[in-house]
Protein backbone atom coordinates (compact mmCIF):
# COMPACT_ATOMS: atom_id res chain seq x y z
CA ARG A 1 -0.04 -0.03 0.09
CA HIS A 2 2.89 2.34 0.79
CA HIS A 3 4.26 2.30 -2.92
CA GLY A 4 0.75 2.39 -4.16
CA ILE A 5 1.08 -1.16 -6.21
CA GLY A 6 0.73 -4.58 -4.92
CA PRO A 7 3.37 -6.65 -4.06
CA ARG A 8 3.71 -8.87 -6.99
CA ALA A 9 4.01 -5.65 -9.24
CA PHE A 10 6.19 -4.22 -6.86
CA LEU A 11 8.62 -7.32 -6.61
CA ARG A 12 8.41 -6.85 -10.78
CA ARG A 13 9.55 -3.41 -10.53
CA LEU A 14 12.48 -4.51 -8.27
CA ARG A 15 13.59 -7.40 -10.80
CA MET A 16 13.27 -5.23 -13.96
CA ARG A 17 15.64 -2.33 -12.12
CA ASN A 18 18.39 -4.85 -11.11
CA ALA A 19 18.43 -6.14 -15.25
CA CYS A 20 18.44 -2.91 -16.37
CA GLY A 21 21.37 -2.34 -13.97
CA LEU A 22 23.09 -5.61 -14.99
CA LEU A 23 22.50 -4.67 -18.68
CA ALA A 24 23.90 -1.43 -18.48
CA THR A 25 27.25 -2.58 -16.45
CA THR A 26 27.98 -6.06 -17.44
CA ARG A 27 28.61 -8.17 -20.37
CA LEU A 28 27.25 -11.28 -18.84
CA PRO A 29 25.03 -13.23 -20.88
CA LEU A 30 21.43 -12.51 -20.86
CA ALA A 31 20.19 -16.01 -19.61
CA GLU A 32 22.84 -15.24 -16.50
CA ILE A 33 21.16 -11.77 -15.91
CA ALA A 34 17.62 -13.23 -16.17
CA SER A 35 18.79 -15.93 -13.64
CA LEU A 36 20.44 -13.00 -11.05
CA ALA A 37 17.05 -11.23 -11.63
CA GLY A 38 15.01 -13.85 -10.53
CA TYR A 39 13.02 -14.73 -13.72
CA ALA A 40 12.73 -18.58 -14.41
CA ASP A 41 14.70 -18.43 -17.70
CA GLN A 42 15.96 -15.89 -20.43
CA SER A 43 12.37 -15.83 -22.23
CA HIS A 44 10.47 -15.06 -19.54
CA PHE A 45 12.79 -12.33 -18.77
CA SER A 46 12.78 -11.11 -22.52
CA ARG A 47 8.91 -11.16 -22.36
CA GLU A 48 8.38 -9.22 -19.32
CA PHE A 49 11.16 -6.63 -20.33
CA LYS A 50 9.99 -6.40 -23.55
CA THR A 51 6.47 -5.36 -22.11
CA ALA A 52 7.77 -3.00 -19.57
CA ILE A 53 10.28 -1.13 -21.29
CA GLY A 54 8.95 -1.50 -24.88
CA ALA A 55 12.21 -2.78 -26.34
CA THR A 56 14.38 -6.48 -26.51
CA PRO A 57 17.07 -6.73 -23.42
CA ARG A 58 19.74 -7.26 -26.75
CA ALA A 59 18.31 -3.85 -28.10
CA VAL A 60 19.03 -1.79 -24.86
CA ARG A 61 22.25 -3.63 -24.05
CA GLU A 62 23.62 -2.77 -27.58
CA ALA A 63 22.04 0.67 -27.11
CA SER A 64 24.06 1.41 -24.02
CA LEU A 65 27.41 0.40 -25.76
């Protein structure tokens, strides 16, 4: 209630923030980033990332180089 969103959405936001940081600051494989951020697998991560950010993790990584 404090953040104005439910616990599930809050957790999703934290995972996405963590994943974005890893994409921008490391060269780890996407599957490893997905695992570190708490996603079941790379495809799960990629789907949620594209929905939240509007671009694929690979496109964001390439843009940050």
